[in-house]
């Protein structure tokens, strides 16, 4: 379940969500929300997403973050045009 606040994330976990996606959080708010989710439901997976770049990645990693999604890995990838003719 995608959440945009700590309260929504904790409520989603309490309702039985398997994975809580914390979207567009700054690093400090992300870690606080992830800690609150894990404190209430330790087995709920916590995913960080939204505007995370490779340079900022270390700030989004922590003991309560299980998964990080980074659209920048595919948004900026160069296309390769090739054909395979037999």
C-alpha atoms as a PDB file:
ATOM      1  CA  UNK A   1       0.000   0.000   0.000  1.00  0.00           C
ATOM      2  CA  UNK A   2       1.416   3.388  -1.027  1.00  0.00           C
ATOM      3  CA  UNK A   3       1.404   5.863   1.863  1.00  0.00           C
ATOM      4  CA  UNK A   4       2.264   9.532   2.042  1.00  0.00           C
ATOM      5  CA  UNK A   5       2.252   9.937   5.833  1.00  0.00           C
ATOM      6  CA  UNK A   6       3.518   8.067   8.862  1.00  0.00           C
ATOM      7  CA  UNK A   7      -0.026   7.705  10.226  1.00  0.00           C
ATOM      8  CA  UNK A   8      -1.248   6.146   6.976  1.00  0.00           C
ATOM      9  CA  UNK A   9       1.715   3.758   6.913  1.00  0.00           C
ATOM     10  CA  UNK A  10       1.124   2.572  10.481  1.00  0.00           C
ATOM     11  CA  UNK A  11      -2.616   2.176   9.774  1.00  0.00           C
ATOM     12  CA  UNK A  12      -1.891   0.180   6.600  1.00  0.00           C
ATOM     13  CA  UNK A  13       0.465  -2.126   8.476  1.00  0.00           C
ATOM     14  CA  UNK A  14      -2.064  -2.566  11.297  1.00  0.00           C
ATOM     15  CA  UNK A  15      -4.712  -3.448   8.708  1.00  0.00           C
ATOM     16  CA  UNK A  16      -2.483  -6.279   7.464  1.00  0.00           C
ATOM     17  CA  UNK A  17      -0.594  -4.827   4.514  1.00  0.00           C
ATOM     18  CA  UNK A  18       2.303  -7.063   3.492  1.00  0.00           C
ATOM     19  CA  UNK A  19       4.307  -4.146   2.082  1.00  0.00           C
ATOM     20  CA  UNK A  20       4.095  -0.440   2.911  1.00  0.00           C
ATOM     21  CA  UNK A  21       5.506   1.921   0.280  1.00  0.00           C
ATOM     22  CA  UNK A  22       6.650   5.219   1.756  1.00  0.00           C
ATOM     23  CA  UNK A  23       6.485   7.583  -1.194  1.00  0.00           C
ATOM     24  CA  UNK A  24       8.232  10.970  -1.475  1.00  0.00           C
ATOM     25  CA  UNK A  25       9.459  11.159   2.129  1.00  0.00           C
ATOM     26  CA  UNK A  26      12.591  13.088   3.032  1.00  0.00           C
ATOM     27  CA  UNK A  27      15.197  10.819   4.674  1.00  0.00           C
ATOM     28  CA  UNK A  28      14.440  11.849   8.267  1.00  0.00           C
ATOM     29  CA  UNK A  29      10.668  11.418   7.901  1.00  0.00           C
ATOM     30  CA  UNK A  30      11.228   8.156   6.036  1.00  0.00           C
ATOM     31  CA  UNK A  31      13.270   6.630   8.847  1.00  0.00           C
ATOM     32  CA  UNK A  32      10.801   7.795  11.498  1.00  0.00           C
ATOM     33  CA  UNK A  33       7.835   6.340   9.598  1.00  0.00           C
ATOM     34  CA  UNK A  34       9.665   3.098   8.826  1.00  0.00           C
ATOM     35  CA  UNK A  35      10.608   2.728  12.491  1.00  0.00           C
ATOM     36  CA  UNK A  36       6.995   3.250  13.530  1.00  0.00           C
ATOM     37  CA  UNK A  37       5.793   0.624  11.041  1.00  0.00           C
ATOM     38  CA  UNK A  38       8.387  -1.907  12.192  1.00  0.00           C
ATOM     39  CA  UNK A  39       7.622  -1.178  15.863  1.00  0.00           C
ATOM     40  CA  UNK A  40       3.968  -2.030  15.335  1.00  0.00           C
ATOM     41  CA  UNK A  41       4.360  -4.804  12.730  1.00  0.00           C
ATOM     42  CA  UNK A  42       7.969  -6.097  12.489  1.00  0.00           C
ATOM     43  CA  UNK A  43       7.289  -8.443   9.563  1.00  0.00           C
ATOM     44  CA  UNK A  44       5.740  -5.805   7.299  1.00  0.00           C
ATOM     45  CA  UNK A  45       8.132  -4.919   4.486  1.00  0.00           C
ATOM     46  CA  UNK A  46       8.922  -1.223   4.116  1.00  0.00           C
ATOM     47  CA  UNK A  47       9.771   0.203   0.702  1.00  0.00           C
ATOM     48  CA  UNK A  48      11.200   3.676   0.064  1.00  0.00           C
ATOM     49  CA  UNK A  49      10.306   5.349  -3.222  1.00  0.00           C
ATOM     50  CA  UNK A  50       9.947   8.689  -4.931  1.00  0.00           C
ATOM     51  CA  UNK A  51      12.682  10.998  -6.122  1.00  0.00           C
ATOM     52  CA  UNK A  52      15.583   8.898  -4.868  1.00  0.00           C
ATOM     53  CA  UNK A  53      18.751   9.378  -6.907  1.00  0.00           C
ATOM     54  CA  UNK A  54      21.955   7.343  -6.823  1.00  0.00           C
ATOM     55  CA  UNK A  55      23.759  10.198  -5.097  1.00  0.00           C
ATOM     56  CA  UNK A  56      21.125  10.467  -2.364  1.00  0.00           C
ATOM     57  CA  UNK A  57      20.660   6.697  -1.943  1.00  0.00           C
ATOM     58  CA  UNK A  58      22.831   6.347   1.195  1.00  0.00           C
ATOM     59  CA  UNK A  59      20.529   8.749   3.052  1.00  0.00           C
ATOM     60  CA  UNK A  60      17.533   6.505   2.371  1.00  0.00           C
ATOM     61  CA  UNK A  61      19.127   3.266   3.576  1.00  0.00           C
ATOM     62  CA  UNK A  62      18.604   2.159   7.138  1.00  0.00           C
ATOM     63  CA  UNK A  63      17.717  -0.698   9.469  1.00  0.00           C
ATOM     64  CA  UNK A  64      13.952  -0.390   8.891  1.00  0.00           C
ATOM     65  CA  UNK A  65      14.058  -0.048   5.082  1.00  0.00           C
ATOM     66  CA  UNK A  66      13.720  -3.371   3.235  1.00  0.00           C
ATOM     67  CA  UNK A  67      13.438  -2.193  -0.388  1.00  0.00           C
ATOM     68  CA  UNK A  68      14.344   0.970  -2.308  1.00  0.00           C
ATOM     69  CA  UNK A  69      12.727   1.774  -5.667  1.00  0.00           C
ATOM     70  CA  UNK A  70      14.561   4.164  -7.960  1.00  0.00           C
ATOM     71  CA  UNK A  71      12.892   5.240 -11.176  1.00  0.00           C
ATOM     72  CA  UNK A  72      16.023   7.179 -12.056  1.00  0.00           C
ATOM     73  CA  UNK A  73      17.676   3.877 -12.993  1.00  0.00           C
ATOM     74  CA  UNK A  74      15.341   3.486 -15.964  1.00  0.00           C
ATOM     75  CA  UNK A  75      14.268   7.070 -16.658  1.00  0.00           C
ATOM     76  CA  UNK A  76      17.765   8.103 -17.661  1.00  0.00           C
ATOM     77  CA  UNK A  77      18.877   4.919 -19.375  1.00  0.00           C
ATOM     78  CA  UNK A  78      19.996   5.331 -22.970  1.00  0.00           C
ATOM     79  CA  UNK A  79      18.073   3.355 -25.583  1.00  0.00           C
ATOM     80  CA  UNK A  80      19.850   0.799 -27.715  1.00  0.00           C
ATOM     81  CA  UNK A  81      18.451   0.304 -31.206  1.00  0.00           C
ATOM     82  CA  UNK A  82      19.414  -2.995 -32.781  1.00  0.00           C
ATOM     83  CA  UNK A  83      17.958  -5.647 -35.057  1.00  0.00           C
ATOM     84  CA  UNK A  84      18.526  -9.363 -35.255  1.00  0.00           C
ATOM     85  CA  UNK A  85      18.089 -10.651 -38.785  1.00  0.00           C
ATOM     86  CA  UNK A  86      18.507 -14.284 -39.671  1.00  0.00           C
END
